[in-house]
Protein backbone atom coordinates (compact mmCIF):
# COMPACT_ATOMS: atom_id res chain seq x y z
CA UNK A 1 0.20 -0.67 0.20
CA UNK A 2 0.88 3.76 -0.97
CA UNK A 3 0.65 6.02 1.89
CA UNK A 4 -1.25 8.96 0.69
CA UNK A 5 0.76 11.84 -0.12
CA UNK A 6 1.68 14.93 2.56
CA UNK A 7 -1.05 17.77 2.65
CA UNK A 8 0.87 20.92 0.94
CA UNK A 9 -1.32 23.46 2.86
CA UNK A 10 0.43 25.56 5.66
CA UNK A 11 -0.27 23.60 8.58
CA UNK A 12 -0.77 26.73 10.96
CA UNK A 13 -3.46 27.28 13.05
CA UNK A 14 -4.54 30.46 11.24
CA UNK A 15 -4.22 29.46 7.95
CA UNK A 16 -6.26 25.61 9.16
CA UNK A 17 -9.50 28.81 9.59
CA UNK A 18 -9.40 29.77 6.03
CA UNK A 19 -9.66 26.06 4.93
CA UNK A 20 -11.33 26.77 1.30
CA UNK A 21 -9.38 29.94 0.68
CA UNK A 22 -6.43 30.33 -2.16
CA UNK A 23 -3.83 29.03 -1.84
CA UNK A 24 -1.78 31.57 -1.82
CA UNK A 25 -4.34 33.50 1.02
CA UNK A 26 -3.38 30.46 3.62
CA UNK A 27 0.16 30.35 2.88
CA UNK A 28 0.62 34.43 3.33
CA UNK A 29 -2.02 34.18 7.01
CA UNK A 30 0.91 31.74 7.78
CA UNK A 31 4.19 33.76 6.77
CA UNK A 32 2.87 36.31 8.97
CA UNK A 33 1.52 33.89 11.95
CA UNK A 34 5.05 32.37 12.04
CA UNK A 35 6.28 36.15 12.06
CA UNK A 36 4.17 36.95 14.66
CA UNK A 37 5.60 33.76 16.64
CA UNK A 38 8.53 34.58 16.34
CA UNK A 39 7.94 37.59 17.82
CA UNK A 40 5.94 36.51 21.07
CA UNK A 41 9.16 34.42 21.72
CA UNK A 42 11.53 36.80 20.32
CA UNK A 43 14.28 37.42 23.33
CA UNK A 44 14.93 39.94 25.54
CA UNK A 45 18.08 41.03 27.17
CA UNK A 46 16.93 39.98 30.21
CA UNK A 47 15.59 36.66 29.27
CA UNK A 48 19.03 36.38 27.17
CA UNK A 49 21.21 36.23 30.25
CA UNK A 50 19.16 33.98 32.50
CA UNK A 51 18.89 31.46 29.34
CA UNK A 52 22.70 31.49 29.69
CA UNK A 53 23.12 32.35 33.96
CA UNK A 54 19.91 30.95 35.06
CA UNK A 55 17.77 33.12 38.01
CA UNK A 56 19.68 35.86 39.77
CA UNK A 57 22.65 36.52 37.78
CA UNK A 58 25.05 40.05 38.69
CA UNK A 59 25.92 42.70 36.66
CA UNK A 60 28.98 44.94 36.16
CA UNK A 61 28.03 48.59 34.51
CA UNK A 62 30.44 51.30 33.28
CA UNK A 63 29.33 54.10 31.26
CA UNK A 64 32.26 54.50 28.18
CA UNK A 65 33.59 57.97 26.92
CA UNK A 66 32.89 58.42 22.52
CA UNK A 67 36.21 57.71 22.95
CA UNK A 68 36.31 54.42 24.44
CA UNK A 69 33.49 53.43 22.60
CA UNK A 70 35.08 52.96 19.51
CA UNK A 71 37.98 50.52 20.95
CA UNK A 72 36.34 48.59 23.86
CA UNK A 73 33.55 47.68 20.42
CA UNK A 74 36.40 46.75 18.48
CA UNK A 75 38.03 44.78 21.27
CA UNK A 76 34.97 43.11 21.82
CA UNK A 77 34.92 42.25 17.91
CA UNK A 78 38.43 40.74 18.27
CA UNK A 79 37.51 38.54 21.10
CA UNK A 80 34.18 37.08 19.62
CA UNK A 81 36.31 36.06 16.33
CA UNK A 82 38.44 34.64 18.64
CA UNK A 83 35.99 31.98 20.94
CA UNK A 84 32.78 30.61 20.21
CA UNK A 85 29.81 32.23 21.15
CA UNK A 86 25.96 33.05 21.85
CA UNK A 87 24.86 35.77 20.32
CA UNK A 88 21.32 38.17 21.90
CA UNK A 89 20.11 41.35 21.73
CA UNK A 90 21.95 44.45 23.63
CA UNK A 91 18.95 45.88 23.86
CA UNK A 92 15.07 45.30 23.76
CA UNK A 93 15.02 47.94 20.76
CA UNK A 94 16.82 46.64 18.10
CA UNK A 95 18.10 42.92 16.98
CA UNK A 96 21.89 42.52 17.52
CA UNK A 97 23.58 45.47 14.90
CA UNK A 98 27.36 46.14 14.16
CA UNK A 99 28.34 49.60 13.42
CA UNK A 100 31.38 50.55 10.68
CA UNK A 101 34.54 52.49 12.19
CA UNK A 102 36.11 55.33 8.73
CA UNK A 103 39.72 55.10 10.26
CA UNK A 104 42.79 56.53 8.41
CA UNK A 105 41.19 55.91 4.64
CA UNK A 106 39.87 52.12 5.91
CA UNK A 107 37.16 50.84 7.69
CA UNK A 108 36.52 48.37 10.55
CA UNK A 109 33.28 47.34 11.25
CA UNK A 110 32.50 46.53 15.14
CA UNK A 111 29.09 45.46 16.99
CA UNK A 112 27.42 48.47 18.39
CA UNK A 113 24.21 47.18 20.44
CA UNK A 114 24.46 43.37 20.69
CA UNK A 115 24.48 41.12 23.72
CA UNK A 116 26.86 38.00 23.69
CA UNK A 117 27.10 34.47 25.89
CA UNK A 118 30.54 33.12 26.65
CA UNK A 119 31.02 29.83 28.06
CA UNK A 120 32.87 29.07 31.13
CA UNK A 121 36.37 28.96 31.23
CA UNK A 122 36.19 31.50 27.56
CA UNK A 123 37.22 34.97 29.29
CA UNK A 124 37.03 33.71 32.30
CA UNK A 125 35.69 30.33 34.89
CA UNK A 126 32.20 31.04 34.69
CA UNK A 127 29.94 31.86 31.55
CA UNK A 128 29.33 35.31 31.35
CA UNK A 129 27.14 37.72 29.15
CA UNK A 130 28.58 40.37 27.78
CA UNK A 131 26.22 43.43 26.57
CA UNK A 132 27.05 46.57 24.95
CA UNK A 133 24.17 48.89 24.34
CA UNK A 134 22.87 52.90 24.26
CA UNK A 135 21.49 53.48 28.09
CA UNK A 136 20.35 56.76 29.35
CA UNK A 137 22.09 58.57 31.92
CA UNK A 138 21.83 61.80 33.41
CA UNK A 139 18.66 62.67 31.21
CA UNK A 140 20.72 61.24 27.87
CA UNK A 141 21.51 58.55 26.62
CA UNK A 142 25.74 57.03 26.68
CA UNK A 143 26.62 53.80 25.25
CA UNK A 144 27.26 51.31 28.26
CA UNK A 145 29.19 47.92 28.83
CA UNK A 146 27.93 45.75 31.46
CA UNK A 147 28.76 42.81 32.11
CA UNK A 148 26.58 39.42 33.22
CA UNK A 149 27.45 36.61 35.61
CA UNK A 150 25.44 33.28 37.57
CA UNK A 151 24.53 33.78 41.00
CA UNK A 152 27.31 35.12 43.43
CA UNK A 153 30.05 36.17 39.96
CA UNK A 154 30.15 39.90 40.20
CA UNK A 155 34.44 39.78 41.43
CA UNK A 156 34.23 37.32 37.79
CA UNK A 157 32.42 39.80 35.85
CA UNK A 158 34.29 43.04 37.48
CA UNK A 159 37.52 40.94 35.98
CA UNK A 160 36.10 41.05 31.95
CA UNK A 161 35.23 44.95 32.68
CA UNK A 162 38.86 45.28 33.43
CA UNK A 163 40.31 43.11 30.63
CA UNK A 164 37.92 44.39 27.54
CA UNK A 165 38.92 48.40 29.17
CA UNK A 166 42.45 47.82 29.72
CA UNK A 167 42.58 45.80 26.08
CA UNK A 168 40.84 48.84 24.36
CA UNK A 169 42.82 51.54 26.42
CA UNK A 170 46.16 49.84 25.53
CA UNK A 171 47.59 48.52 22.07
CA UNK A 172 44.24 47.01 20.99
CA UNK A 173 42.59 50.92 20.84
CA UNK A 174 42.21 52.01 17.35
CA UNK A 175 43.56 55.89 18.33
CA UNK A 176 46.07 54.57 19.98
CA UNK A 177 49.69 55.90 17.53
CA UNK A 178 47.08 57.83 15.43
CA UNK A 179 46.55 61.98 14.06
CA UNK A 180 43.35 62.61 15.36
CA UNK A 181 42.01 65.81 15.29
CA UNK A 182 38.75 66.17 18.61
CA UNK A 183 35.34 67.35 17.45
CA UNK A 184 32.50 68.18 19.76
CA UNK A 185 29.45 67.78 19.10
CA UNK A 186 25.91 68.21 21.41
CA UNK A 187 26.52 64.33 22.54
CA UNK A 188 30.37 65.14 23.69
CA UNK A 189 33.78 64.93 22.70
CA UNK A 190 34.49 62.55 19.70
CA UNK A 191 37.11 61.99 17.96
CA UNK A 192 37.82 62.26 14.11
CA UNK A 193 40.97 60.14 12.47
CA UNK A 194 42.88 61.41 10.16
CA UNK A 195 45.43 61.23 7.10
CA UNK A 196 48.96 61.41 8.25
CA UNK A 197 50.51 63.78 5.49
CA UNK A 198 53.79 63.17 4.13
CA UNK A 199 56.80 65.55 5.35
CA UNK A 200 60.40 65.47 5.06
CA UNK A 201 63.05 67.47 7.49
CA UNK A 202 64.46 68.19 4.25
CA UNK A 203 61.51 70.10 2.70
CA UNK A 204 61.47 72.86 5.29
CA UNK A 205 63.90 75.15 5.17
CA UNK A 206 64.83 75.82 8.52
CA UNK A 207 67.99 77.63 10.79
CA UNK A 208 69.45 75.39 12.73
CA UNK A 209 69.21 76.66 15.99
CA UNK A 210 65.36 75.44 15.47
CA UNK A 211 66.41 72.04 14.80
CA UNK A 212 68.04 71.74 17.75
CA UNK A 213 66.57 73.43 20.10
CA UNK A 214 62.97 71.30 18.84
CA UNK A 215 64.83 67.98 18.75
CA UNK A 216 66.67 68.96 22.33
CA UNK A 217 62.49 69.15 24.01
CA UNK A 218 61.38 66.29 22.11
CA UNK A 219 63.97 64.10 23.78
CA UNK A 220 61.82 64.14 27.16
CA UNK A 221 59.94 62.07 26.04
CA UNK A 222 61.79 60.14 23.64
CA UNK A 223 65.30 59.43 23.97
CA UNK A 224 66.02 61.17 28.04
CA UNK A 225 62.69 59.94 28.99
CA UNK A 226 63.89 57.59 31.26
CA UNK A 227 66.25 59.64 32.58
CA UNK A 228 63.77 62.65 33.24
CA UNK A 229 62.14 59.89 35.33
CA UNK A 230 65.20 58.67 37.04
CA UNK A 231 66.29 62.59 38.08
CA UNK A 232 62.19 62.65 39.47
CA UNK A 233 61.32 65.24 36.75
CA UNK A 234 58.31 65.01 34.78
CA UNK A 235 58.22 63.52 31.30
CA UNK A 236 56.58 66.20 29.88
CA UNK A 237 57.22 69.54 27.32
CA UNK A 238 56.20 72.27 26.33
CA UNK A 239 57.34 73.91 22.77
CA UNK A 240 55.91 77.19 21.85
CA UNK A 241 56.85 78.17 18.40
CA UNK A 242 56.62 82.21 17.17
CA UNK A 243 57.11 84.13 14.69
CA UNK A 244 55.16 86.03 11.69
CA UNK A 245 52.46 84.41 9.48
CA UNK A 246 53.54 81.99 6.58
CA UNK A 247 57.40 81.38 8.25
CA UNK A 248 57.01 77.75 8.63
CA UNK A 249 55.21 77.49 11.98
CA UNK A 250 52.55 74.85 11.40
CA UNK A 251 55.22 72.71 8.62
CA UNK A 252 57.16 72.26 11.78
CA UNK A 253 54.38 71.10 13.61
CA UNK A 254 53.49 68.73 10.75
CA UNK A 255 56.85 67.59 10.54
CA UNK A 256 56.72 66.56 14.18
CA UNK A 257 53.95 64.76 14.25
CA UNK A 258 54.93 62.78 10.97
CA UNK A 259 58.29 62.18 13.25
CA UNK A 260 55.66 60.95 16.30
CA UNK A 261 52.74 59.57 14.96
CA UNK A 262 52.90 55.79 16.03
CA UNK A 263 55.36 55.61 18.79
CA UNK A 264 52.62 58.14 19.63
CA UNK A 265 48.95 59.61 19.99
CA UNK A 266 48.82 63.26 18.17
CA UNK A 267 46.13 65.19 19.10
CA UNK A 268 45.92 68.62 16.25
CA UNK A 269 43.56 70.92 18.48
CA UNK A 270 41.85 73.66 16.83
CA UNK A 271 40.66 76.89 18.29
CA UNK A 272 37.16 76.12 18.37
CA UNK A 273 37.99 73.34 20.07
CA UNK A 274 40.64 74.67 22.67
CA UNK A 275 37.98 76.66 23.69
CA UNK A 276 35.00 74.25 24.11
CA UNK A 277 37.12 71.13 25.86
CA UNK A 278 40.56 71.70 26.43
CA UNK A 279 40.72 69.51 29.86
CA UNK A 280 38.80 66.71 28.69
CA UNK A 281 41.09 66.80 25.14
CA UNK A 282 44.28 66.11 27.34
CA UNK A 283 42.30 63.57 30.45
CA UNK A 284 41.10 61.71 27.53
CA UNK A 285 43.62 61.44 25.05
CA UNK A 286 46.31 60.48 27.96
CA UNK A 287 44.98 57.00 27.56
CA UNK A 288 46.63 56.48 24.35
CA UNK A 289 50.12 55.97 25.40
CA UNK A 290 52.36 58.44 24.91
CA UNK A 291 50.66 61.71 23.57
CA UNK A 292 51.90 65.07 20.97
CA UNK A 293 49.25 67.65 21.36
CA UNK A 294 49.38 70.68 19.30
CA UNK A 295 47.78 74.41 19.76
CA UNK A 296 47.12 76.11 16.53
CA UNK A 297 47.60 79.80 17.13
CA UNK A 298 47.58 79.50 20.54
CA UNK A 299 46.92 83.67 20.76
CA UNK A 300 43.05 83.40 19.74
CA UNK A 301 41.93 81.34 22.46
CA UNK A 302 44.66 82.16 25.44
CA UNK A 303 45.07 85.83 26.14
CA UNK A 304 46.20 87.95 28.49
CA UNK A 305 43.38 87.18 32.37
CA UNK A 306 40.54 89.35 32.68
CA UNK A 307 41.09 89.96 28.60
CA UNK A 308 37.56 89.39 26.19
CA UNK A 309 38.38 86.28 25.41
CA UNK A 310 37.12 82.90 27.99
CA UNK A 311 38.64 83.46 30.51
CA UNK A 312 37.75 79.57 31.57
CA UNK A 313 40.30 78.53 28.39
CA UNK A 314 43.80 80.38 30.25
CA UNK A 315 42.79 78.33 33.31
CA UNK A 316 42.17 74.57 30.92
CA UNK A 317 45.50 75.57 29.60
CA UNK A 318 47.27 76.01 32.76
CA UNK A 319 45.71 73.26 34.51
CA UNK A 320 46.68 70.79 31.86
CA UNK A 321 50.11 72.52 30.96
CA UNK A 322 51.50 71.73 34.85
CA UNK A 323 48.19 72.00 37.11
CA UNK A 324 46.15 69.52 38.84
CA UNK A 325 45.92 67.57 35.71
CA UNK A 326 48.76 65.74 35.59
CA UNK A 327 50.35 63.89 33.15
CA UNK A 328 53.66 62.01 31.96
CA UNK A 329 54.50 61.84 28.55
CA UNK A 330 53.50 64.38 26.94
CA UNK A 331 54.89 66.77 24.44
CA UNK A 332 52.33 69.92 23.75
CA UNK A 333 53.75 71.95 21.04
CA UNK A 334 51.93 75.10 19.82
CA UNK A 335 52.18 78.03 17.48
CA UNK A 336 51.70 82.00 17.93
CA UNK A 337 52.59 85.02 15.87
CA UNK A 338 52.28 87.09 18.53
CA UNK A 339 53.60 85.73 22.05
CA UNK A 340 52.90 89.04 23.56
CA UNK A 341 49.41 88.50 23.51
CA UNK A 342 49.55 85.30 25.70
CA UNK A 343 49.17 85.48 29.36
CA UNK A 344 52.65 85.31 31.28
CA UNK A 345 51.70 82.37 33.19
CA UNK A 346 50.81 80.14 30.22
CA UNK A 347 54.22 80.85 28.60
CA UNK A 348 56.71 80.68 31.74
CA UNK A 349 59.42 77.18 32.72
CA UNK A 350 57.11 73.89 33.04
CA UNK A 351 54.40 75.31 31.09
CA UNK A 352 56.37 76.18 27.92
CA UNK A 353 59.47 75.37 28.26
CA UNK A 354 61.15 76.50 25.28
CA UNK A 355 60.22 79.59 22.82
CA UNK A 356 61.24 78.89 19.79
CA UNK A 357 61.14 82.10 17.48
CA UNK A 358 60.92 81.36 14.35
CA UNK A 359 61.45 84.80 11.73
CA UNK A 360 61.24 85.65 8.11
CA UNK A 361 63.43 84.20 5.99
CA UNK A 362 67.10 85.23 5.47
CA UNK A 363 68.32 86.25 1.73
CA UNK A 364 70.01 82.85 1.91
CA UNK A 365 67.19 80.64 2.94
CA UNK A 366 65.17 82.99 0.89
CA UNK A 367 66.31 81.71 -2.56
CA UNK A 368 66.23 78.38 -0.91
CA UNK A 369 62.93 77.98 -1.06
CA UNK A 370 62.24 79.68 -4.03
CA UNK A 371 64.59 76.97 -6.01
CA UNK A 372 62.34 74.52 -4.46
CA UNK A 373 59.06 76.31 -5.37
CA UNK A 374 60.29 76.54 -9.22
CA UNK A 375 61.58 72.87 -8.99
CA UNK A 376 59.08 71.39 -11.65
CA UNK A 377 59.16 74.31 -13.86
CA UNK A 378 60.74 73.13 -17.30
CA UNK A 379 63.91 75.10 -17.34
CA UNK A 380 64.11 75.64 -14.07
CA UNK A 381 67.63 75.62 -13.45
CA UNK A 382 67.99 78.55 -15.28
CA UNK A 383 65.51 80.89 -13.20
CA UNK A 384 67.76 83.14 -11.26
CA UNK A 385 65.80 82.92 -7.26
CA UNK A 386 68.51 85.33 -6.09
CA UNK A 387 67.69 87.87 -8.41
CA UNK A 388 63.41 87.82 -7.54
CA UNK A 389 64.65 87.23 -3.31
CA UNK A 390 66.75 90.33 -3.90
CA UNK A 391 63.70 92.47 -5.51
CA UNK A 392 61.76 91.74 -2.48
CA UNK A 393 61.51 92.95 0.87
CA UNK A 394 63.72 91.39 3.96
CA UNK A 395 60.16 90.82 5.73
CA UNK A 396 59.27 87.95 3.11
CA UNK A 397 57.93 84.29 4.20
CA UNK A 398 57.89 81.72 2.30
CA UNK A 399 54.14 81.50 1.71
CA UNK A 400 54.61 85.17 -0.17
CA UNK A 401 57.47 83.33 -2.07
CA UNK A 402 55.02 80.46 -3.17
CA UNK A 403 52.26 83.06 -3.59
CA UNK A 404 54.84 84.55 -6.03
CA UNK A 405 55.13 81.85 -7.55
CA UNK A 406 51.42 80.97 -8.34
CA UNK A 407 50.48 84.48 -10.01
CA UNK A 408 53.21 83.84 -12.09
CA UNK A 409 52.16 80.69 -12.93
CA UNK A 410 48.51 82.17 -13.36
CA UNK A 411 49.71 84.06 -15.62
CA UNK A 412 51.91 82.93 -17.76
CA UNK A 413 51.42 78.56 -16.61
CA UNK A 414 54.10 76.64 -17.09
CA UNK A 415 57.19 78.34 -19.10
CA UNK A 416 58.04 80.57 -15.67
CA UNK A 417 60.92 83.29 -16.67
CA UNK A 418 63.03 85.31 -13.73
CA UNK A 419 61.42 87.41 -16.28
CA UNK A 420 58.06 86.90 -15.55
CA UNK A 421 58.83 85.94 -11.56
CA UNK A 422 59.90 89.55 -11.46
CA UNK A 423 56.89 90.78 -13.12
CA UNK A 424 54.79 89.87 -10.45
CA UNK A 425 56.91 90.78 -7.43
CA UNK A 426 56.59 94.34 -9.21
CA UNK A 427 52.55 94.14 -8.93
CA UNK A 428 52.62 93.30 -5.34
CA UNK A 429 49.71 91.75 -5.19
CA UNK A 430 51.28 88.79 -4.14
CA UNK A 431 50.54 90.11 -0.73
CA UNK A 432 47.52 91.52 0.26
CA UNK A 433 47.54 95.28 0.99
CA UNK A 434 43.93 96.33 3.56
CA UNK A 435 43.52 98.61 2.17
CA UNK A 436 43.17 102.35 4.13
CA UNK A 437 40.04 104.59 3.80
CA UNK A 438 36.26 104.85 5.79
CA UNK A 439 33.95 102.21 3.84
CA UNK A 440 30.39 102.37 4.41
């Protein structure tokens, strides 16, 4: 005897109520019924934790800063790749989710809202559930890390929290050894990873005395760091680069960043970020190992006390340089057009230990700079750079020389000559002149 073929109709009770209806109607209703059934049985964070850890689990929770969150997420992702695990929800609002981090031209996928069960003997000797999710904090929201353990396992949960945080602050940090720019948002402080610009000392025409002074101060946090500590002296240093606009201060900071980034984490702070969160930038960044902080245009936010500038920013500056916030292995390099505009307390020793003046280049240096700017011009060897420089005033900067070449190239194209450069010089438009007069 042959058995009867199975009934092809969906067997869900909702479909049975529609006996006699077209097949596609029964199939649709059955599908909806399965979805409803799955929704009823969708695990919550609580049920997921109790499923794997039993009743009355314990938990240890820490709030994560916007700087710490990406690194903790990356460490958790690495841990999930290395060990068997079960995946569940991070909170009640959504399924497990990942997000992509942009890091200096590359992308990294990290867990964003997950609950992860690791078996006993994996992270600690008891099973744990690690949850990364967005929790409510002081009327707002902040990413939180919670580790659950079976009843009586609070110490084990705390060890897992400490291990994840230590790894995230250490070599597995996604920010350590990179070039960063702080960004202050309505949610808090975070960092943008910047590409490291190509740079070489040979590209800069600076007096040897400038390099000697800069290298001496860099040694406090590099080659002489152990010596400074052995003598009970702080392994931190501040260098203030002062001089007229266009003389190479920013180019010098880029070169220092190029040489130190990797072994150091470099944070470039502009005036807006300094005004909003200077002390927080230092406090958060010191977790990232040896630190180079570049403070651009210091005179924009650290003027004399009692001035119209934000007095809190000056107080923060004094604190991070040599105050209540004790920092080791930190090199601060700042730039200013006019050191006289700064409060005297900011430029004393142990805050800015060295004031390095970068003035206008002399005739020989200016000639060398101009030769570099025309090096790619066809027939560059025929250009009399010294004659062009002699036609310029003494207070000409490297930026001025570049503009002379740019204006000549805009007018004459690539066929630059000594005559075309001298014409650009005589026109005088290579330096912006502020008009004098009354305007409505």
